Amino acid sequence: AMFSALGARGINILAISTSISTVSCVIDIDRLG
């Protein structure tokens, strides 16, 4: 759901990190908002 939401807005995911309770994505700072 997270990846789809970012992708639907054209936000490129540069890196992904996951744990049992967290999903984190590195993106371009200009697209943070």
PDB file of all heavy atoms in Angstrom:
ATOM      1  N   ALA A   1       0.833  -1.206   0.000  1.00  0.00           N
ATOM      2  CA  ALA A   1       0.000   0.000   0.000  1.00  0.00           C
ATOM      3  C   ALA A   1       0.870   1.260   0.000  1.00  0.00           C
ATOM      4  O   ALA A   1       0.579   2.225  -0.706  1.00  0.00           O
ATOM      5  CB  ALA A   1      -0.930  -0.010   1.208  1.00  0.00           C
ATOM      6  N   MET A   2       1.956   1.218   0.765  1.00  0.00           N
ATOM      7  CA  MET A   2       2.860   2.361   0.803  1.00  0.00           C
ATOM      8  C   MET A   2       3.527   2.570  -0.556  1.00  0.00           C
ATOM      9  O   MET A   2       3.546   3.682  -1.083  1.00  0.00           O
ATOM     10  CB  MET A   2       3.927   2.165   1.877  1.00  0.00           C
ATOM     11  CG  MET A   2       4.896   3.303   2.006  1.00  0.00           C
ATOM     12  SD  MET A   2       6.140   2.958   3.270  1.00  0.00           S
ATOM     13  CE  MET A   2       6.878   4.569   3.457  1.00  0.00           C
ATOM     14  N   PHE A   3       4.057   1.491  -1.117  1.00  0.00           N
ATOM     15  CA  PHE A   3       4.734   1.591  -2.409  1.00  0.00           C
ATOM     16  C   PHE A   3       3.772   2.054  -3.501  1.00  0.00           C
ATOM     17  O   PHE A   3       4.122   2.888  -4.351  1.00  0.00           O
ATOM     18  CB  PHE A   3       5.359   0.258  -2.810  1.00  0.00           C
ATOM     19  CG  PHE A   3       6.315  -0.322  -1.788  1.00  0.00           C
ATOM     20  CD1 PHE A   3       6.516  -1.684  -1.716  1.00  0.00           C
ATOM     21  CD2 PHE A   3       7.003   0.485  -0.890  1.00  0.00           C
ATOM     22  CE1 PHE A   3       7.387  -2.241  -0.788  1.00  0.00           C
ATOM     23  CE2 PHE A   3       7.877  -0.056   0.050  1.00  0.00           C
ATOM     24  CZ  PHE A   3       8.065  -1.425   0.097  1.00  0.00           C
ATOM     25  N   SER A   4       2.554   1.543  -3.482  1.00  0.00           N
ATOM     26  CA  SER A   4       1.551   1.933  -4.479  1.00  0.00           C
ATOM     27  C   SER A   4       1.180   3.406  -4.340  1.00  0.00           C
ATOM     28  O   SER A   4       1.022   4.099  -5.349  1.00  0.00           O
ATOM     29  CB  SER A   4       0.299   1.070  -4.335  1.00  0.00           C
ATOM     30  OG  SER A   4       0.568  -0.259  -4.682  1.00  0.00           O
ATOM     31  N   ALA A   5       1.029   3.879  -3.104  1.00  0.00           N
ATOM     32  CA  ALA A   5       0.673   5.278  -2.882  1.00  0.00           C
ATOM     33  C   ALA A   5       1.764   6.208  -3.402  1.00  0.00           C
ATOM     34  O   ALA A   5       1.477   7.227  -4.039  1.00  0.00           O
ATOM     35  CB  ALA A   5       0.433   5.528  -1.394  1.00  0.00           C
ATOM     36  N   LEU A   6       3.013   5.847  -3.148  1.00  0.00           N
ATOM     37  CA  LEU A   6       4.115   6.670  -3.647  1.00  0.00           C
ATOM     38  C   LEU A   6       4.199   6.586  -5.170  1.00  0.00           C
ATOM     39  O   LEU A   6       4.336   7.608  -5.853  1.00  0.00           O
ATOM     40  CB  LEU A   6       5.437   6.226  -3.011  1.00  0.00           C
ATOM     41  CG  LEU A   6       5.560   6.443  -1.500  1.00  0.00           C
ATOM     42  CD1 LEU A   6       6.844   5.816  -0.973  1.00  0.00           C
ATOM     43  CD2 LEU A   6       5.487   7.914  -1.143  1.00  0.00           C
ATOM     44  N   GLY A   7       4.100   5.388  -5.710  1.00  0.00           N
ATOM     45  CA  GLY A   7       4.188   5.203  -7.156  1.00  0.00           C
ATOM     46  C   GLY A   7       3.075   5.901  -7.915  1.00  0.00           C
ATOM     47  O   GLY A   7       3.300   6.456  -8.993  1.00  0.00           O
ATOM     48  N   ALA A   8       1.871   5.903  -7.353  1.00  0.00           N
ATOM     49  CA  ALA A   8       0.730   6.554  -8.009  1.00  0.00           C
ATOM     50  C   ALA A   8       0.953   8.056  -8.150  1.00  0.00           C
ATOM     51  O   ALA A   8       0.377   8.685  -9.042  1.00  0.00           O
ATOM     52  CB  ALA A   8      -0.542   6.278  -7.225  1.00  0.00           C
ATOM     53  N   ARG A   9       1.789   8.608  -7.298  1.00  0.00           N
ATOM     54  CA  ARG A   9       2.092  10.037  -7.363  1.00  0.00           C
ATOM     55  C   ARG A   9       3.409  10.320  -8.074  1.00  0.00           C
ATOM     56  O   ARG A   9       3.909  11.439  -8.056  1.00  0.00           O
ATOM     57  CB  ARG A   9       2.089  10.614  -5.953  1.00  0.00           C
ATOM     58  CG  ARG A   9       0.676  10.662  -5.391  1.00  0.00           C
ATOM     59  CD  ARG A   9       0.663  10.720  -3.892  1.00  0.00           C
ATOM     60  NE  ARG A   9      -0.681  10.735  -3.353  1.00  0.00           N
ATOM     61  CZ  ARG A   9      -1.439   9.649  -3.180  1.00  0.00           C
ATOM     62  NH1 ARG A   9      -0.985   8.459  -3.509  1.00  0.00           N
ATOM     63  NH2 ARG A   9      -2.656   9.752  -2.683  1.00  0.00           N
ATOM     64  N   GLY A  10       3.971   9.287  -8.665  1.00  0.00           N
ATOM     65  CA  GLY A  10       5.210   9.458  -9.425  1.00  0.00           C
ATOM     66  C   GLY A  10       6.434   9.682  -8.554  1.00  0.00           C
ATOM     67  O   GLY A  10       7.416  10.246  -9.007  1.00  0.00           O
ATOM     68  N   ILE A  11       6.383   9.225  -7.317  1.00  0.00           N
ATOM     69  CA  ILE A  11       7.510   9.385  -6.394  1.00  0.00           C
ATOM     70  C   ILE A  11       8.383   8.142  -6.490  1.00  0.00           C
ATOM     71  O   ILE A  11       7.939   7.039  -6.174  1.00  0.00           O
ATOM     72  CB  ILE A  11       7.016   9.598  -4.946  1.00  0.00           C
ATOM     73  CG1 ILE A  11       6.143  10.852  -4.868  1.00  0.00           C
ATOM     74  CG2 ILE A  11       8.207   9.682  -3.987  1.00  0.00           C
ATOM     75  CD1 ILE A  11       5.415  11.025  -3.554  1.00  0.00           C
ATOM     76  N   ASN A  12       9.603   8.314  -6.936  1.00  0.00           N
ATOM     77  CA  ASN A  12      10.534   7.212  -7.112  1.00  0.00           C
ATOM     78  C   ASN A  12      11.126   6.793  -5.771  1.00  0.00           C
ATOM     79  O   ASN A  12      11.603   7.631  -5.000  1.00  0.00           O
ATOM     80  CB  ASN A  12      11.656   7.626  -8.076  1.00  0.00           C
ATOM     81  CG  ASN A  12      12.513   6.471  -8.494  1.00  0.00           C
ATOM     82  OD1 ASN A  12      12.034   5.357  -8.632  1.00  0.00           O
ATOM     83  ND2 ASN A  12      13.784   6.744  -8.720  1.00  0.00           N
ATOM     84  N   ILE A  13      11.081   5.507  -5.486  1.00  0.00           N
ATOM     85  CA  ILE A  13      11.667   4.962  -4.265  1.00  0.00           C
ATOM     86  C   ILE A  13      13.109   4.568  -4.580  1.00  0.00           C
ATOM     87  O   ILE A  13      13.357   3.729  -5.440  1.00  0.00           O
ATOM     88  CB  ILE A  13      10.870   3.744  -3.761  1.00  0.00           C
ATOM     89  CG1 ILE A  13       9.433   4.155  -3.426  1.00  0.00           C
ATOM     90  CG2 ILE A  13      11.559   3.125  -2.553  1.00  0.00           C
ATOM     91  CD1 ILE A  13       8.508   2.983  -3.133  1.00  0.00           C
ATOM     92  N   LEU A  14      14.058   5.177  -3.874  1.00  0.00           N
ATOM     93  CA  LEU A  14      15.474   4.935  -4.124  1.00  0.00           C
ATOM     94  C   LEU A  14      16.013   3.763  -3.310  1.00  0.00           C
ATOM     95  O   LEU A  14      16.949   3.093  -3.738  1.00  0.00           O
ATOM     96  CB  LEU A  14      16.279   6.202  -3.811  1.00  0.00           C
ATOM     97  CG  LEU A  14      15.817   7.463  -4.567  1.00  0.00           C
ATOM     98  CD1 LEU A  14      16.555   8.687  -4.051  1.00  0.00           C
ATOM     99  CD2 LEU A  14      16.029   7.277  -6.066  1.00  0.00           C
ATOM    100  N   ALA A  15      15.429   3.537  -2.130  1.00  0.00           N
ATOM    101  CA  ALA A  15      15.842   2.425  -1.275  1.00  0.00           C
ATOM    102  C   ALA A  15      14.698   2.107  -0.320  1.00  0.00           C
ATOM    103  O   ALA A  15      13.871   2.961  -0.026  1.00  0.00           O
ATOM    104  CB  ALA A  15      17.108   2.773  -0.492  1.00  0.00           C
ATOM    105  N   ILE A  16      14.678   0.856   0.145  1.00  0.00           N
ATOM    106  CA  ILE A  16      13.630   0.388   1.048  1.00  0.00           C
ATOM    107  C   ILE A  16      14.279  -0.336   2.222  1.00  0.00           C
ATOM    108  O   ILE A  16      15.228  -1.098   2.044  1.00  0.00           O
ATOM    109  CB  ILE A  16      12.679  -0.590   0.326  1.00  0.00           C
ATOM    110  CG1 ILE A  16      11.974   0.097  -0.833  1.00  0.00           C
ATOM    111  CG2 ILE A  16      11.677  -1.196   1.302  1.00  0.00           C
ATOM    112  CD1 ILE A  16      11.275  -0.880  -1.776  1.00  0.00           C
ATOM    113  N   SER A  17      13.729  -0.100   3.412  1.00  0.00           N
ATOM    114  CA  SER A  17      14.140  -0.829   4.603  1.00  0.00           C
ATOM    115  C   SER A  17      12.873  -1.243   5.339  1.00  0.00           C
ATOM    116  O   SER A  17      11.952  -0.441   5.487  1.00  0.00           O
ATOM    117  CB  SER A  17      15.009   0.048   5.505  1.00  0.00           C
ATOM    118  OG  SER A  17      15.322  -0.631   6.698  1.00  0.00           O
ATOM    119  N   THR A  18      12.847  -2.493   5.798  1.00  0.00           N
ATOM    120  CA  THR A  18      11.681  -2.960   6.539  1.00  0.00           C
ATOM    121  C   THR A  18      12.122  -3.651   7.821  1.00  0.00           C
ATOM    122  O   THR A  18      13.235  -4.157   7.930  1.00  0.00           O
ATOM    123  CB  THR A  18      10.849  -3.964   5.714  1.00  0.00           C
ATOM    124  OG1 THR A  18      11.640  -5.107   5.417  1.00  0.00           O
ATOM    125  CG2 THR A  18      10.348  -3.335   4.424  1.00  0.00           C
ATOM    126  N   SER A  19      11.229  -3.647   8.778  1.00  0.00           N
ATOM    127  CA  SER A  19      11.400  -4.422   9.995  1.00  0.00           C
ATOM    128  C   SER A  19      10.036  -4.981  10.355  1.00  0.00           C
ATOM    129  O   SER A  19       9.073  -4.812   9.608  1.00  0.00           O
ATOM    130  CB  SER A  19      11.951  -3.548  11.133  1.00  0.00           C
ATOM    131  OG  SER A  19      10.947  -2.684  11.605  1.00  0.00           O
ATOM    132  N   ILE A  20       9.929  -5.592  11.485  1.00  0.00           N
ATOM    133  CA  ILE A  20       8.667  -6.198  11.889  1.00  0.00           C
ATOM    134  C   ILE A  20       7.575  -5.152  12.105  1.00  0.00           C
ATOM    135  O   ILE A  20       6.392  -5.445  11.980  1.00  0.00           O
ATOM    136  CB  ILE A  20       8.870  -7.071  13.141  1.00  0.00           C
ATOM    137  CG1 ILE A  20       7.728  -8.044  13.271  1.00  0.00           C
ATOM    138  CG2 ILE A  20       9.025  -6.236  14.365  1.00  0.00           C
ATOM    139  CD1 ILE A  20       8.067  -9.253  14.072  1.00  0.00           C
ATOM    140  N   SER A  21       7.955  -3.904  12.385  1.00  0.00           N
ATOM    141  CA  SER A  21       6.952  -2.885  12.670  1.00  0.00           C
ATOM    142  C   SER A  21       7.105  -1.585  11.880  1.00  0.00           C
ATOM    143  O   SER A  21       6.325  -0.657  12.065  1.00  0.00           O
ATOM    144  CB  SER A  21       6.980  -2.546  14.159  1.00  0.00           C
ATOM    145  OG  SER A  21       8.255  -2.042  14.517  1.00  0.00           O
ATOM    146  N   THR A  22       8.103  -1.513  10.986  1.00  0.00           N
ATOM    147  CA  THR A  22       8.373  -0.273  10.254  1.00  0.00           C
ATOM    148  C   THR A  22       8.691  -0.566   8.794  1.00  0.00           C
ATOM    149  O   THR A  22       9.374  -1.535   8.478  1.00  0.00           O
ATOM    150  CB  THR A  22       9.575   0.469  10.880  1.00  0.00           C
ATOM    151  OG1 THR A  22       9.332   0.657  12.267  1.00  0.00           O
ATOM    152  CG2 THR A  22       9.799   1.821  10.236  1.00  0.00           C
ATOM    153  N   VAL A  23       8.190   0.319   7.919  1.00  0.00           N
ATOM    154  CA  VAL A  23       8.574   0.316   6.513  1.00  0.00           C
ATOM    155  C   VAL A  23       9.097   1.718   6.214  1.00  0.00           C
ATOM    156  O   VAL A  23       8.412   2.710   6.479  1.00  0.00           O
ATOM    157  CB  VAL A  23       7.392  -0.017   5.582  1.00  0.00           C
ATOM    158  CG1 VAL A  23       7.835   0.009   4.123  1.00  0.00           C
ATOM    159  CG2 VAL A  23       6.780  -1.354   5.934  1.00  0.00           C
ATOM    160  N   SER A  24      10.305   1.811   5.688  1.00  0.00           N
ATOM    161  CA  SER A  24      10.925   3.099   5.371  1.00  0.00           C
ATOM    162  C   SER A  24      11.354   3.116   3.918  1.00  0.00           C
ATOM    163  O   SER A  24      11.839   2.106   3.399  1.00  0.00           O
ATOM    164  CB  SER A  24      12.152   3.353   6.247  1.00  0.00           C
ATOM    165  OG  SER A  24      11.804   3.371   7.601  1.00  0.00           O
ATOM    166  N   CYS A  25      11.194   4.275   3.279  1.00  0.00           N
ATOM    167  CA  CYS A  25      11.615   4.454   1.887  1.00  0.00           C
ATOM    168  C   CYS A  25      12.458   5.713   1.774  1.00  0.00           C
ATOM    169  O   CYS A  25      12.111   6.751   2.346  1.00  0.00           O
ATOM    170  CB  CYS A  25      10.398   4.605   0.969  1.00  0.00           C
ATOM    171  SG  CYS A  25       9.369   3.146   0.866  1.00  0.00           S
ATOM    172  N   VAL A  26      13.542   5.609   1.044  1.00  0.00           N
ATOM    173  CA  VAL A  26      14.350   6.777   0.712  1.00  0.00           C
ATOM    174  C   VAL A  26      13.799   7.336  -0.596  1.00  0.00           C
ATOM    175  O   VAL A  26      13.629   6.597  -1.574  1.00  0.00           O
ATOM    176  CB  VAL A  26      15.838   6.402   0.558  1.00  0.00           C
ATOM    177  CG1 VAL A  26      16.656   7.617   0.137  1.00  0.00           C
ATOM    178  CG2 VAL A  26      16.387   5.812   1.849  1.00  0.00           C
ATOM    179  N   ILE A  27      13.493   8.637  -0.581  1.00  0.00           N
ATOM    180  CA  ILE A  27      12.956   9.313  -1.762  1.00  0.00           C
ATOM    181  C   ILE A  27      13.702  10.622  -1.974  1.00  0.00           C
ATOM    182  O   ILE A  27      14.467  11.060  -1.104  1.00  0.00           O
ATOM    183  CB  ILE A  27      11.445   9.596  -1.595  1.00  0.00           C
ATOM    184  CG1 ILE A  27      11.202  10.501  -0.391  1.00  0.00           C
ATOM    185  CG2 ILE A  27      10.652   8.294  -1.476  1.00  0.00           C
ATOM    186  CD1 ILE A  27       9.809  11.090  -0.313  1.00  0.00           C
ATOM    187  N   ASP A  28      13.465  11.258  -3.097  1.00  0.00           N
ATOM    188  CA  ASP A  28      14.048  12.569  -3.383  1.00  0.00           C
ATOM    189  C   ASP A  28      13.474  13.589  -2.398  1.00  0.00           C
ATOM    190  O   ASP A  28      12.262  13.644  -2.184  1.00  0.00           O
ATOM    191  CB  ASP A  28      13.713  12.968  -4.821  1.00  0.00           C
ATOM    192  CG  ASP A  28      14.443  14.217  -5.273  1.00  0.00           C
ATOM    193  OD1 ASP A  28      14.507  15.198  -4.500  1.00  0.00           O
ATOM    194  OD2 ASP A  28      14.938  14.214  -6.414  1.00  0.00           O
ATOM    195  N   ILE A  29      14.330  14.390  -1.790  1.00  0.00           N
ATOM    196  CA  ILE A  29      13.904  15.376  -0.795  1.00  0.00           C
ATOM    197  C   ILE A  29      12.848  16.327  -1.347  1.00  0.00           C
ATOM    198  O   ILE A  29      11.971  16.789  -0.626  1.00  0.00           O
ATOM    199  CB  ILE A  29      15.109  16.150  -0.217  1.00  0.00           C
ATOM    200  CG1 ILE A  29      14.711  17.034   0.971  1.00  0.00           C
ATOM    201  CG2 ILE A  29      15.757  17.019  -1.290  1.00  0.00           C
ATOM    202  CD1 ILE A  29      14.398  16.285   2.206  1.00  0.00           C
ATOM    203  N   ASP A  30      12.901  16.613  -2.637  1.00  0.00           N
ATOM    204  CA  ASP A  30      11.930  17.527  -3.246  1.00  0.00           C
ATOM    205  C   ASP A  30      10.511  16.973  -3.236  1.00  0.00           C
ATOM    206  O   ASP A  30       9.552  17.721  -3.408  1.00  0.00           O
ATOM    207  CB  ASP A  30      12.333  17.849  -4.690  1.00  0.00           C
ATOM    208  CG  ASP A  30      13.639  18.609  -4.774  1.00  0.00           C
ATOM    209  OD1 ASP A  30      14.005  19.286  -3.790  1.00  0.00           O
ATOM    210  OD2 ASP A  30      14.300  18.535  -5.825  1.00  0.00           O
ATOM    211  N   ARG A  31      10.348  15.670  -3.052  1.00  0.00           N
ATOM    212  CA  ARG A  31       9.030  15.037  -3.057  1.00  0.00           C
ATOM    213  C   ARG A  31       8.528  14.670  -1.667  1.00  0.00           C
ATOM    214  O   ARG A  31       7.505  14.013  -1.524  1.00  0.00           O
ATOM    215  CB  ARG A  31       9.071  13.760  -3.926  1.00  0.00           C
ATOM    216  CG  ARG A  31       9.477  13.964  -5.378  1.00  0.00           C
ATOM    217  CD  ARG A  31       8.570  14.911  -6.151  1.00  0.00           C
ATOM    218  NE  ARG A  31       7.153  14.634  -6.075  1.00  0.00           N
ATOM    219  CZ  ARG A  31       6.485  13.822  -6.901  1.00  0.00           C
ATOM    220  NH1 ARG A  31       7.107  13.222  -7.873  1.00  0.00           N
ATOM    221  NH2 ARG A  31       5.181  13.640  -6.746  1.00  0.00           N
ATOM    222  N   LEU A  32       9.225  15.120  -0.638  1.00  0.00           N
ATOM    223  CA  LEU A  32       8.860  14.748   0.725  1.00  0.00           C
ATOM    224  C   LEU A  32       7.437  15.184   1.079  1.00  0.00           C
ATOM    225  O   LEU A  32       6.668  14.415   1.630  1.00  0.00           O
ATOM    226  CB  LEU A  32       9.859  15.314   1.733  1.00  0.00           C
ATOM    227  CG  LEU A  32       9.586  14.976   3.195  1.00  0.00           C
ATOM    228  CD1 LEU A  32       9.554  13.468   3.410  1.00  0.00           C
ATOM    229  CD2 LEU A  32      10.612  15.644   4.094  1.00  0.00           C
ATOM    230  N   GLY A  33       7.075  16.404   0.759  1.00  0.00           N
ATOM    231  CA  GLY A  33       5.730  16.888   1.060  1.00  0.00           C
ATOM    232  C   GLY A  33       4.662  16.050   0.388  1.00  0.00           C
ATOM    233  O   GLY A  33       3.639  15.712   1.004  1.00  0.00           O
TER     234      GLY A  33
END
